[in-house]
Each structure stands twice: as structure tokens, then as C-alpha cells.
């Protein structure tokens, strides 16, 4: 099947499956890429996925999906926890939110909203899997303490 034949819903479902495997599968491991970053590689059927990640605070990276060795989707991201906040606590909460998965029209990552105690996670999007800008935030006691930006979409549609 050509990449442009993979409809929006199937591509979004595939990305969400890769994200879920990356976030919740204990066998999914990031390995050193030899360039001061880490890479997670996963495969589902004839699709392969790679998440290349750099940094600690702030962090940045990119995700790519290939269909039969042709790159069909790409996303770049950047995020941070504000200074003065224990980032390990924020990232533990972020893992809980991401484990809930994306809902509604979100492309990936966590749900539109997740709340536990004094922490609230939000995830919003402009566009769709074809071309999107997605922003996730975490608030502590109503104050924004974390933000991450995701930009991406389908690629190589006119091969």
C-alpha cells in the first residue's frame, strides 16, 4: 500500500500504538545514538518508528514513521519544566498522563486533560495528522510548570 493510501485515522492509530509501546512497554528501551542522544526504535507489521531524543532540561527530539522503508510521517518536539520546580516529580506525573493515551482529535501523547491532586495536564491541537501543532502543559496549583511543543505531519505524499 502506498503511504498516501494510509488514511488519516489509520495513520493516527498507528502513531498512537507506537507511542503506547514506547511509553508503557517495559521492553522498549532508548539506546545511545553515539551523538549525545538516545533512540527508541519499534516495529509494527511493515511500519517502523524511531524517536530520537536529546537533552534533559529542556529536551528536544523527533519522531519518524516509515512504511516499507519510505518515511511517511515526521514530528519534531521541544519541552521544558520551569526553573525551581523538581522536574523528576513533573515527569512522573507526565508518564501517568501519557499512559492514558490521546483522545478526541489529538494526534498523540496524552489526553485532552488529566488531573491528579494539585497537578493538571492539558493537551491541545491545531490541525490533524496531516499537518499539526500540538501543545501539552502541566499546571501545579494552577501555575504552568511544564510545556512541550509538537509540530509535524505526513511527508513524502508526492513521490
N, C-alpha and C. Protein backbone atom coordinates (compact mmCIF):
# COMPACT_ATOMS: atom_id res chain seq x y z
N UNK A 1 0.84 -1.18 0.00
CA UNK A 1 0.00 0.00 0.00
C UNK A 1 0.88 1.24 0.00
N UNK A 2 0.62 2.21 -0.83
CA UNK A 2 1.38 3.45 -0.85
C UNK A 2 1.03 4.27 0.38
N UNK A 3 1.98 5.11 0.84
CA UNK A 3 1.77 5.86 2.07
C UNK A 3 0.57 6.79 1.96
N UNK A 4 0.31 7.35 0.77
CA UNK A 4 -0.83 8.25 0.66
C UNK A 4 -2.15 7.49 0.72
N UNK A 5 -2.10 6.17 0.63
CA UNK A 5 -3.30 5.35 0.73
C UNK A 5 -3.67 5.07 2.18
N UNK A 6 -2.71 5.22 3.10
CA UNK A 6 -2.98 5.01 4.52
C UNK A 6 -3.81 6.20 4.99
N UNK A 7 -5.10 5.96 5.30
CA UNK A 7 -5.96 7.10 5.64
C UNK A 7 -5.58 7.71 6.98
N UNK A 8 -6.12 8.91 7.22
CA UNK A 8 -5.78 9.68 8.41
C UNK A 8 -5.98 8.89 9.70
N UNK A 9 -7.12 8.23 9.81
CA UNK A 9 -7.43 7.51 11.04
C UNK A 9 -6.47 6.36 11.28
N UNK A 10 -6.09 5.65 10.21
CA UNK A 10 -5.14 4.53 10.36
C UNK A 10 -3.76 5.04 10.73
N UNK A 11 -3.33 6.15 10.14
CA UNK A 11 -2.02 6.71 10.47
C UNK A 11 -2.01 7.20 11.92
N UNK A 12 -3.08 7.86 12.35
CA UNK A 12 -3.16 8.34 13.73
C UNK A 12 -3.16 7.16 14.71
N UNK A 13 -3.90 6.11 14.38
CA UNK A 13 -3.94 4.91 15.23
C UNK A 13 -2.56 4.27 15.32
N UNK A 14 -1.85 4.21 14.20
CA UNK A 14 -0.51 3.64 14.17
C UNK A 14 0.45 4.45 15.05
N UNK A 15 0.42 5.78 14.93
CA UNK A 15 1.28 6.63 15.75
C UNK A 15 0.96 6.43 17.23
N UNK A 16 -0.32 6.38 17.56
CA UNK A 16 -0.72 6.17 18.96
C UNK A 16 -0.24 4.81 19.46
N UNK A 17 -0.28 3.77 18.61
CA UNK A 17 0.23 2.45 19.01
C UNK A 17 1.73 2.50 19.29
N UNK A 18 2.48 3.19 18.43
CA UNK A 18 3.92 3.33 18.66
C UNK A 18 4.17 4.09 19.95
N UNK A 19 3.43 5.18 20.18
CA UNK A 19 3.61 5.94 21.41
C UNK A 19 3.31 5.09 22.63
N UNK A 20 2.22 4.35 22.58
CA UNK A 20 1.84 3.50 23.71
C UNK A 20 2.92 2.46 24.01
N UNK A 21 3.45 1.84 22.96
CA UNK A 21 4.53 0.86 23.15
C UNK A 21 5.76 1.54 23.75
N UNK A 22 6.06 2.73 23.30
CA UNK A 22 7.22 3.45 23.80
C UNK A 22 7.07 3.90 25.25
N UNK A 23 5.85 4.28 25.64
CA UNK A 23 5.63 4.80 27.00
C UNK A 23 5.38 3.69 28.01
N UNK A 24 4.73 2.60 27.59
CA UNK A 24 4.27 1.63 28.59
C UNK A 24 4.90 0.25 28.50
N UNK A 25 5.56 -0.06 27.39
CA UNK A 25 6.17 -1.38 27.25
C UNK A 25 7.52 -1.40 27.98
N UNK A 26 7.67 -2.23 29.01
CA UNK A 26 8.94 -2.25 29.75
C UNK A 26 10.11 -2.74 28.91
N UNK A 27 9.84 -3.40 27.78
CA UNK A 27 10.91 -3.87 26.90
C UNK A 27 11.37 -2.79 25.92
N UNK A 28 10.62 -1.69 25.81
CA UNK A 28 11.00 -0.60 24.91
C UNK A 28 12.08 0.23 25.59
N UNK A 29 13.25 0.28 25.01
CA UNK A 29 14.39 0.97 25.62
C UNK A 29 15.01 1.97 24.66
N UNK A 30 15.32 3.14 25.19
CA UNK A 30 16.10 4.11 24.43
C UNK A 30 17.56 3.71 24.52
N UNK A 31 18.25 3.71 23.38
CA UNK A 31 19.66 3.37 23.37
C UNK A 31 20.48 4.58 22.92
N UNK A 32 21.73 4.62 23.31
CA UNK A 32 22.63 5.72 22.97
C UNK A 32 22.81 5.76 21.45
N UNK A 33 22.68 6.94 20.86
CA UNK A 33 22.85 7.06 19.41
C UNK A 33 24.25 7.47 19.00
N UNK A 34 25.17 7.62 19.99
CA UNK A 34 26.54 8.00 19.68
C UNK A 34 26.72 9.47 19.38
N UNK A 35 25.65 10.26 19.52
CA UNK A 35 25.70 11.71 19.25
C UNK A 35 25.14 12.50 20.43
N UNK A 36 25.29 11.96 21.64
CA UNK A 36 24.80 12.59 22.86
C UNK A 36 23.27 12.56 22.97
N UNK A 37 22.64 11.67 22.23
CA UNK A 37 21.19 11.50 22.30
C UNK A 37 20.83 10.04 22.47
N UNK A 38 19.56 9.78 22.49
CA UNK A 38 19.06 8.41 22.63
C UNK A 38 18.00 8.15 21.56
N UNK A 39 17.87 6.88 21.16
CA UNK A 39 16.93 6.50 20.11
C UNK A 39 16.11 5.31 20.57
N UNK A 40 14.81 5.39 20.31
CA UNK A 40 13.90 4.28 20.53
C UNK A 40 13.42 3.83 19.15
N UNK A 41 13.60 2.55 18.84
CA UNK A 41 13.15 2.01 17.55
C UNK A 41 12.14 0.90 17.80
N UNK A 42 11.01 0.97 17.10
CA UNK A 42 9.94 -0.02 17.24
C UNK A 42 9.43 -0.41 15.86
N UNK A 43 8.82 -1.59 15.77
CA UNK A 43 8.24 -2.06 14.51
C UNK A 43 6.88 -2.66 14.77
N UNK A 44 5.92 -2.34 13.90
CA UNK A 44 4.60 -2.96 13.88
C UNK A 44 4.32 -3.32 12.43
N UNK A 45 4.21 -4.60 12.15
CA UNK A 45 3.99 -5.07 10.78
C UNK A 45 5.05 -4.49 9.85
N UNK A 46 4.64 -3.83 8.75
CA UNK A 46 5.62 -3.28 7.81
C UNK A 46 5.91 -1.79 8.08
N UNK A 47 5.62 -1.36 9.31
CA UNK A 47 5.87 0.02 9.72
C UNK A 47 6.96 0.04 10.78
N UNK A 48 7.89 0.97 10.64
CA UNK A 48 8.90 1.15 11.67
C UNK A 48 8.83 2.58 12.19
N UNK A 49 9.25 2.75 13.41
CA UNK A 49 9.14 4.02 14.13
C UNK A 49 10.45 4.29 14.84
N UNK A 50 10.83 5.56 14.87
CA UNK A 50 12.02 5.94 15.60
C UNK A 50 11.76 7.26 16.30
N UNK A 51 12.13 7.32 17.58
CA UNK A 51 12.05 8.55 18.37
C UNK A 51 13.47 8.86 18.80
N UNK A 52 14.04 9.93 18.27
CA UNK A 52 15.39 10.35 18.63
C UNK A 52 15.28 11.54 19.57
N UNK A 53 15.92 11.43 20.74
CA UNK A 53 15.70 12.33 21.85
C UNK A 53 17.03 12.92 22.32
N UNK A 54 17.04 14.23 22.59
CA UNK A 54 18.24 14.91 23.06
C UNK A 54 17.92 15.75 24.28
N UNK A 55 18.91 15.86 25.16
CA UNK A 55 18.82 16.77 26.28
C UNK A 55 18.22 16.16 27.52
N UNK A 56 18.11 16.99 28.52
CA UNK A 56 17.48 16.66 29.78
C UNK A 56 16.49 17.77 30.07
N UNK A 57 17.01 18.91 30.45
CA UNK A 57 16.18 20.08 30.71
C UNK A 57 16.78 21.29 30.02
N UNK A 58 16.11 21.88 29.06
CA UNK A 58 14.99 21.37 28.27
C UNK A 58 15.41 20.19 27.40
N UNK A 59 14.44 19.59 26.72
CA UNK A 59 14.70 18.44 25.85
C UNK A 59 14.15 18.71 24.46
N UNK A 60 14.61 17.92 23.49
CA UNK A 60 14.13 18.07 22.12
C UNK A 60 14.28 16.73 21.41
N UNK A 61 13.56 16.57 20.33
CA UNK A 61 13.69 15.34 19.57
C UNK A 61 12.83 15.33 18.34
N UNK A 62 12.74 14.15 17.74
CA UNK A 62 11.92 13.98 16.54
C UNK A 62 11.44 12.53 16.45
N UNK A 63 10.30 12.36 15.84
CA UNK A 63 9.71 11.04 15.60
C UNK A 63 9.54 10.86 14.11
N UNK A 64 9.79 9.64 13.63
CA UNK A 64 9.59 9.32 12.22
C UNK A 64 8.92 7.96 12.12
N UNK A 65 7.98 7.83 11.17
CA UNK A 65 7.38 6.54 10.83
C UNK A 65 7.72 6.24 9.38
N UNK A 66 8.16 5.00 9.13
CA UNK A 66 8.43 4.52 7.78
C UNK A 66 7.45 3.41 7.44
N UNK A 67 7.01 3.37 6.19
CA UNK A 67 6.22 2.26 5.66
C UNK A 67 7.06 1.62 4.57
N UNK A 68 7.46 0.36 4.78
CA UNK A 68 8.33 -0.33 3.82
C UNK A 68 9.53 0.54 3.44
N UNK A 69 10.19 1.10 4.45
CA UNK A 69 11.40 1.91 4.29
C UNK A 69 11.20 3.26 3.63
N UNK A 70 9.96 3.70 3.44
CA UNK A 70 9.68 5.05 2.93
C UNK A 70 9.15 5.87 4.10
N UNK A 71 9.79 7.00 4.39
CA UNK A 71 9.34 7.83 5.50
C UNK A 71 8.01 8.49 5.13
N UNK A 72 7.01 8.32 6.03
CA UNK A 72 5.65 8.80 5.73
C UNK A 72 5.13 9.80 6.75
N UNK A 73 5.79 9.90 7.92
CA UNK A 73 5.34 10.81 8.96
C UNK A 73 6.54 11.32 9.74
N UNK A 74 6.48 12.59 10.14
CA UNK A 74 7.58 13.17 10.91
C UNK A 74 7.01 14.19 11.89
N UNK A 75 7.60 14.23 13.08
CA UNK A 75 7.22 15.19 14.11
C UNK A 75 8.48 15.63 14.85
N UNK A 76 8.62 16.93 15.09
CA UNK A 76 9.70 17.44 15.93
C UNK A 76 9.08 18.00 17.21
N UNK A 77 9.86 17.95 18.30
CA UNK A 77 9.31 18.43 19.57
C UNK A 77 10.38 19.07 20.44
N UNK A 78 9.92 19.90 21.39
CA UNK A 78 10.78 20.58 22.35
C UNK A 78 9.95 20.85 23.60
N UNK A 79 10.53 20.61 24.78
CA UNK A 79 9.79 20.84 26.00
C UNK A 79 10.69 21.16 27.18
N UNK A 80 10.06 21.67 28.26
CA UNK A 80 10.84 22.03 29.45
C UNK A 80 9.94 22.14 30.68
N UNK A 81 10.59 21.98 31.83
CA UNK A 81 9.99 22.27 33.13
C UNK A 81 10.58 23.61 33.58
N UNK A 82 9.76 24.48 34.18
CA UNK A 82 10.27 25.78 34.59
C UNK A 82 11.30 25.61 35.72
N UNK A 83 12.20 26.58 35.82
CA UNK A 83 13.23 26.56 36.87
C UNK A 83 12.57 26.64 38.23
N UNK A 84 13.19 25.94 39.18
CA UNK A 84 12.70 25.98 40.55
C UNK A 84 11.69 24.89 40.88
N UNK A 85 11.31 24.10 39.87
CA UNK A 85 10.35 23.00 40.09
C UNK A 85 11.11 21.69 39.92
N UNK A 86 10.85 20.73 40.80
CA UNK A 86 11.51 19.43 40.72
C UNK A 86 11.03 18.69 39.46
N UNK A 87 11.87 18.67 38.42
CA UNK A 87 11.42 18.09 37.15
C UNK A 87 11.14 16.60 37.24
N UNK A 88 11.80 15.87 38.14
CA UNK A 88 11.51 14.43 38.23
C UNK A 88 10.07 14.19 38.69
N UNK A 89 9.54 15.03 39.60
CA UNK A 89 8.14 14.92 40.01
C UNK A 89 7.20 15.20 38.84
N UNK A 90 7.53 16.22 38.06
CA UNK A 90 6.68 16.59 36.91
C UNK A 90 6.69 15.47 35.88
N UNK A 91 7.86 14.89 35.61
CA UNK A 91 7.93 13.83 34.61
C UNK A 91 7.26 12.55 35.08
N UNK A 92 7.23 12.29 36.37
CA UNK A 92 6.48 11.13 36.89
C UNK A 92 4.99 11.33 36.62
N UNK A 93 4.49 12.54 36.85
CA UNK A 93 3.09 12.85 36.57
C UNK A 93 2.82 12.78 35.07
N UNK A 94 3.76 13.29 34.26
CA UNK A 94 3.61 13.26 32.80
C UNK A 94 3.46 11.82 32.32
N UNK A 95 4.25 10.89 32.87
CA UNK A 95 4.13 9.48 32.48
C UNK A 95 2.73 8.95 32.75
N UNK A 96 2.14 9.35 33.89
CA UNK A 96 0.77 8.92 34.21
C UNK A 96 -0.22 9.46 33.17
N UNK A 97 -0.05 10.73 32.80
CA UNK A 97 -0.94 11.34 31.80
C UNK A 97 -0.78 10.65 30.44
N UNK A 98 0.48 10.40 30.04
CA UNK A 98 0.72 9.77 28.74
C UNK A 98 0.18 8.34 28.70
N UNK A 99 0.19 7.67 29.83
CA UNK A 99 -0.34 6.30 29.89
C UNK A 99 -1.84 6.27 29.58
N UNK A 100 -2.53 7.40 29.76
CA UNK A 100 -3.97 7.48 29.44
C UNK A 100 -4.21 7.51 27.93
N UNK A 101 -3.20 7.94 27.18
CA UNK A 101 -3.32 7.99 25.72
C UNK A 101 -4.08 9.21 25.23
N UNK A 102 -3.94 9.46 23.95
CA UNK A 102 -4.61 10.60 23.31
C UNK A 102 -6.09 10.31 23.15
N UNK A 103 -6.89 11.36 23.18
CA UNK A 103 -8.32 11.21 22.95
C UNK A 103 -8.79 12.23 21.91
N UNK A 104 -10.04 12.15 21.56
CA UNK A 104 -10.66 13.09 20.63
C UNK A 104 -9.83 13.24 19.36
N UNK A 105 -9.60 14.48 18.93
CA UNK A 105 -8.87 14.71 17.67
C UNK A 105 -7.37 14.85 17.86
N UNK A 106 -6.86 14.64 19.08
CA UNK A 106 -5.42 14.74 19.31
C UNK A 106 -4.67 13.72 18.47
N UNK A 107 -3.51 14.10 17.98
CA UNK A 107 -2.71 13.20 17.16
C UNK A 107 -2.05 12.14 18.04
N UNK A 108 -1.45 12.56 19.15
CA UNK A 108 -0.76 11.60 20.01
C UNK A 108 -0.49 12.17 21.38
N UNK A 109 0.30 11.44 22.15
CA UNK A 109 0.68 11.77 23.52
C UNK A 109 -0.50 11.52 24.47
N UNK A 110 -0.77 12.45 25.37
CA UNK A 110 -1.77 12.22 26.40
C UNK A 110 -3.16 12.71 26.02
N UNK A 111 -4.10 12.62 26.99
CA UNK A 111 -5.48 13.04 26.74
C UNK A 111 -5.63 14.56 26.74
N UNK A 112 -6.82 15.04 26.43
CA UNK A 112 -7.09 16.48 26.44
C UNK A 112 -6.83 17.06 27.82
N UNK A 113 -7.17 16.28 28.86
CA UNK A 113 -6.94 16.73 30.23
C UNK A 113 -6.81 15.53 31.16
N UNK A 114 -5.92 15.65 32.14
CA UNK A 114 -5.76 14.64 33.17
C UNK A 114 -5.39 15.37 34.46
N UNK A 115 -6.08 15.04 35.54
CA UNK A 115 -5.85 15.71 36.82
C UNK A 115 -5.60 14.68 37.90
N UNK A 116 -4.60 14.97 38.72
CA UNK A 116 -4.34 14.15 39.90
C UNK A 116 -3.78 15.07 40.97
N UNK A 117 -4.51 15.18 42.09
CA UNK A 117 -4.09 16.06 43.17
C UNK A 117 -4.01 17.50 42.70
N UNK A 118 -2.85 18.14 42.95
CA UNK A 118 -2.68 19.54 42.57
C UNK A 118 -2.07 19.71 41.17
N UNK A 119 -1.96 18.60 40.42
CA UNK A 119 -1.37 18.65 39.07
C UNK A 119 -2.44 18.44 38.01
N UNK A 120 -2.33 19.24 36.94
CA UNK A 120 -3.27 19.11 35.81
C UNK A 120 -2.48 19.13 34.51
N UNK A 121 -2.74 18.13 33.67
CA UNK A 121 -2.12 18.00 32.35
C UNK A 121 -3.15 18.41 31.31
N UNK A 122 -2.74 19.20 30.32
CA UNK A 122 -3.61 19.53 29.20
C UNK A 122 -2.86 19.27 27.89
N UNK A 123 -3.61 18.97 26.85
CA UNK A 123 -3.05 18.67 25.54
C UNK A 123 -4.01 19.25 24.51
N UNK A 124 -3.52 20.15 23.66
CA UNK A 124 -4.38 20.78 22.65
C UNK A 124 -3.72 20.70 21.29
N UNK A 125 -4.54 20.84 20.24
CA UNK A 125 -4.03 20.67 18.87
C UNK A 125 -4.68 21.67 17.92
N UNK A 126 -3.89 22.06 16.93
CA UNK A 126 -4.39 22.77 15.74
C UNK A 126 -4.04 21.87 14.58
N UNK A 127 -5.00 21.58 13.71
CA UNK A 127 -4.76 20.72 12.56
C UNK A 127 -5.11 19.28 12.85
N UNK A 128 -4.53 18.37 12.05
CA UNK A 128 -4.75 16.95 12.22
C UNK A 128 -3.47 16.20 11.83
N UNK A 129 -3.53 14.90 11.75
CA UNK A 129 -2.35 14.08 11.48
C UNK A 129 -1.63 14.49 10.19
N UNK A 130 -2.34 15.09 9.27
CA UNK A 130 -1.73 15.54 8.01
C UNK A 130 -0.73 16.68 8.25
N UNK A 131 -1.11 17.60 9.15
CA UNK A 131 -0.28 18.76 9.48
C UNK A 131 -0.80 19.32 10.80
N UNK A 132 0.03 19.29 11.83
CA UNK A 132 -0.48 19.70 13.15
C UNK A 132 0.55 20.46 13.97
N UNK A 133 0.01 21.18 14.95
CA UNK A 133 0.76 21.83 16.01
C UNK A 133 0.05 21.43 17.29
N UNK A 134 0.77 20.77 18.17
CA UNK A 134 0.16 20.27 19.40
C UNK A 134 0.97 20.79 20.58
N UNK A 135 0.27 21.17 21.66
CA UNK A 135 0.93 21.71 22.84
C UNK A 135 0.42 20.97 24.07
N UNK A 136 1.35 20.45 24.88
CA UNK A 136 0.95 19.86 26.15
C UNK A 136 1.54 20.71 27.27
N UNK A 137 0.77 20.82 28.36
CA UNK A 137 1.19 21.64 29.50
C UNK A 137 0.85 20.91 30.79
N UNK A 138 1.61 21.23 31.83
CA UNK A 138 1.29 20.75 33.17
C UNK A 138 1.24 21.96 34.08
N UNK A 139 0.20 21.98 34.89
CA UNK A 139 -0.01 23.05 35.87
C UNK A 139 0.09 22.45 37.27
N UNK A 140 0.75 23.19 38.16
CA UNK A 140 0.82 22.81 39.57
C UNK A 140 0.15 23.93 40.36
N UNK A 141 -0.90 23.59 41.09
CA UNK A 141 -1.66 24.59 41.83
C UNK A 141 -2.08 25.75 40.92
N UNK A 142 -2.45 25.42 39.68
CA UNK A 142 -2.92 26.43 38.74
C UNK A 142 -1.82 27.18 38.00
N UNK A 143 -0.55 26.96 38.33
CA UNK A 143 0.56 27.66 37.68
C UNK A 143 1.23 26.73 36.67
N UNK A 144 1.45 27.23 35.45
CA UNK A 144 2.11 26.43 34.42
C UNK A 144 3.55 26.15 34.83
N UNK A 145 3.91 24.83 34.87
CA UNK A 145 5.26 24.44 35.26
C UNK A 145 5.97 23.62 34.18
N UNK A 146 5.25 23.22 33.13
CA UNK A 146 5.83 22.42 32.06
C UNK A 146 5.10 22.74 30.76
N UNK A 147 5.86 22.79 29.67
CA UNK A 147 5.26 22.95 28.35
C UNK A 147 6.09 22.18 27.33
N UNK A 148 5.42 21.59 26.36
CA UNK A 148 6.10 20.93 25.24
C UNK A 148 5.33 21.23 23.96
N UNK A 149 6.08 21.43 22.88
CA UNK A 149 5.51 21.76 21.57
C UNK A 149 5.83 20.63 20.60
N UNK A 150 4.85 20.27 19.78
CA UNK A 150 4.99 19.21 18.79
C UNK A 150 4.51 19.75 17.45
N UNK A 151 5.33 19.60 16.41
CA UNK A 151 4.99 20.06 15.06
C UNK A 151 5.24 18.91 14.11
N UNK A 152 4.28 18.61 13.26
CA UNK A 152 4.55 17.53 12.33
C UNK A 152 3.42 17.26 11.37
N UNK A 153 3.54 16.09 10.73
CA UNK A 153 2.53 15.67 9.78
C UNK A 153 3.07 14.66 8.80
N UNK A 154 2.23 14.36 7.84
CA UNK A 154 2.56 13.38 6.81
C UNK A 154 3.64 13.97 5.89
N UNK A 155 4.54 13.12 5.41
CA UNK A 155 5.58 13.55 4.47
C UNK A 155 5.63 12.59 3.29
N UNK A 156 6.31 13.01 2.23
CA UNK A 156 6.51 12.20 1.02
C UNK A 156 5.19 11.73 0.40
N UNK A 157 4.23 12.62 0.31
CA UNK A 157 2.93 12.25 -0.28
C UNK A 157 2.95 12.36 -1.80
N UNK A 158 3.98 13.00 -2.36
CA UNK A 158 4.04 13.21 -3.80
C UNK A 158 5.29 12.57 -4.39
N UNK A 159 5.50 11.30 -4.06
CA UNK A 159 6.69 10.59 -4.57
C UNK A 159 6.54 10.23 -6.03
